[in-house]
Amino acid sequence: MDFIDVSGASGATYRFRAWPDSRSHVPVAGNFVVIGETRFPVNVLVIGVTGDLSQARSAAGAKGGERVYTRLNVARATREAEHDDLVAHHSKARVVVETG
């Protein structure tokens, strides 16, 4: 799956793109999630926000069978608001906040 939609507590849906395992990510700010093997319903294991998505994979600590998905958000206010909305809805997910 190249794209997934993840819902927040507000009812808004956020579209994330799969991070290919073999490539590095551009160093821009954004949000990320780690999804477990079960894709329907989406099993959100980690929700993160960072100033440098190229560091998200290591910050998330994704393991085999888990996939990292990213969402580019350069505006800090938008990035943080979306992160808070996702965290409020997915209370069992581990939360990662990176300032890099």
Protein backbone atom coordinates (compact mmCIF):
# COMPACT_ATOMS: atom_id res chain seq x y z
CA MET A 1 0.00 0.00 0.00
CA ASP A 2 1.52 3.31 -1.07
CA PHE A 3 -0.91 5.51 0.89
CA ILE A 4 -2.98 5.09 4.04
CA ASP A 5 -5.54 7.34 5.67
CA VAL A 6 -5.39 7.66 9.46
CA SER A 7 -8.21 9.29 11.41
CA GLY A 8 -7.78 11.73 14.27
CA ALA A 9 -10.04 12.35 17.27
CA SER A 10 -11.60 15.34 15.48
CA GLY A 11 -12.85 13.08 12.68
CA ALA A 12 -10.30 14.51 10.24
CA THR A 13 -8.43 12.02 8.08
CA TYR A 14 -4.73 12.40 7.33
CA ARG A 15 -3.07 10.80 4.32
CA PHE A 16 0.37 9.25 4.82
CA ARG A 17 2.71 7.88 2.17
CA ALA A 18 4.75 4.70 2.56
CA TRP A 19 8.46 5.20 3.08
CA PRO A 20 10.24 2.73 0.78
CA ASP A 21 12.48 0.46 2.84
CA SER A 22 15.47 0.86 0.55
CA ARG A 23 15.55 4.67 0.26
CA SER A 24 16.36 7.57 2.52
CA HIS A 25 13.82 10.29 3.16
CA VAL A 26 14.21 13.98 2.39
CA PRO A 27 15.18 15.98 5.52
CA VAL A 28 11.99 18.02 5.87
CA ALA A 29 9.56 18.45 8.73
CA GLY A 30 6.47 16.28 9.04
CA ASN A 31 4.48 13.63 10.82
CA PHE A 32 4.95 9.88 10.69
CA VAL A 33 3.20 6.72 11.80
CA VAL A 34 4.30 3.13 12.09
CA ILE A 35 1.70 0.60 11.04
CA GLY A 36 1.66 -3.02 12.14
CA GLU A 37 1.31 -5.98 9.81
CA THR A 38 -2.48 -5.86 9.93
CA ARG A 39 -3.45 -3.05 7.59
CA PHE A 40 -7.27 -3.19 7.88
CA PRO A 41 -8.26 -1.75 10.18
CA VAL A 42 -5.10 0.34 10.36
CA ASN A 43 -3.07 -0.75 13.40
CA VAL A 44 -1.18 2.41 14.44
CA LEU A 45 1.76 1.45 16.66
CA VAL A 46 3.72 4.72 16.69
CA ILE A 47 2.71 8.34 16.06
CA GLY A 48 5.49 10.86 15.63
CA VAL A 49 6.30 14.41 14.70
CA THR A 50 9.74 15.67 13.70
CA GLY A 51 11.62 18.54 12.18
CA ASP A 52 13.59 16.05 10.05
CA LEU A 53 11.76 13.08 8.51
CA SER A 54 15.07 11.53 7.40
CA GLN A 55 15.51 10.58 11.10
CA ALA A 56 11.99 9.21 11.58
CA ARG A 57 12.75 5.55 10.88
CA SER A 58 15.35 5.33 13.64
CA ALA A 59 13.25 7.45 16.03
CA ALA A 60 10.23 5.21 15.45
CA GLY A 61 12.15 1.98 16.07
CA ALA A 62 10.12 0.09 13.43
CA LYS A 63 10.66 -3.67 13.47
CA GLY A 64 10.23 -6.34 10.79
CA GLY A 65 6.69 -6.46 9.43
CA GLU A 66 6.04 -2.85 10.46
CA ARG A 67 5.98 -0.01 7.97
CA VAL A 68 6.80 3.68 8.33
CA TYR A 69 4.48 6.17 6.63
CA THR A 70 5.19 9.90 6.44
CA ARG A 71 3.26 13.10 5.91
CA LEU A 72 5.09 16.28 4.90
CA ASN A 73 4.08 19.28 7.01
CA VAL A 74 6.44 22.20 6.91
CA ALA A 75 4.28 24.55 9.01
CA ARG A 76 4.97 23.80 12.67
CA ALA A 77 1.47 24.74 13.87
CA THR A 78 -0.16 22.36 11.37
CA ARG A 79 2.30 19.58 12.15
CA GLU A 80 1.73 19.82 15.89
CA ALA A 81 -2.08 20.13 15.61
CA GLU A 82 -2.30 17.03 13.43
CA HIS A 83 0.01 15.13 15.77
CA ASP A 84 -2.14 16.03 18.79
CA ASP A 85 -5.32 15.00 16.94
CA LEU A 86 -3.83 11.60 16.01
CA VAL A 87 -2.48 10.97 19.52
CA ALA A 88 -5.89 11.77 21.03
CA HIS A 89 -7.55 9.16 18.81
CA HIS A 90 -4.92 6.39 18.99
CA SER A 91 -4.30 6.23 22.72
CA LYS A 92 -2.47 2.87 22.59
CA ALA A 93 0.16 4.07 20.11
CA ARG A 94 3.64 5.01 21.29
CA VAL A 95 4.31 8.73 20.86
CA VAL A 96 7.58 10.12 19.46
CA VAL A 97 8.41 13.83 19.37
CA GLU A 98 11.70 14.77 17.71
CA THR A 99 12.86 18.35 17.33
CA GLY A 100 15.70 17.59 14.86
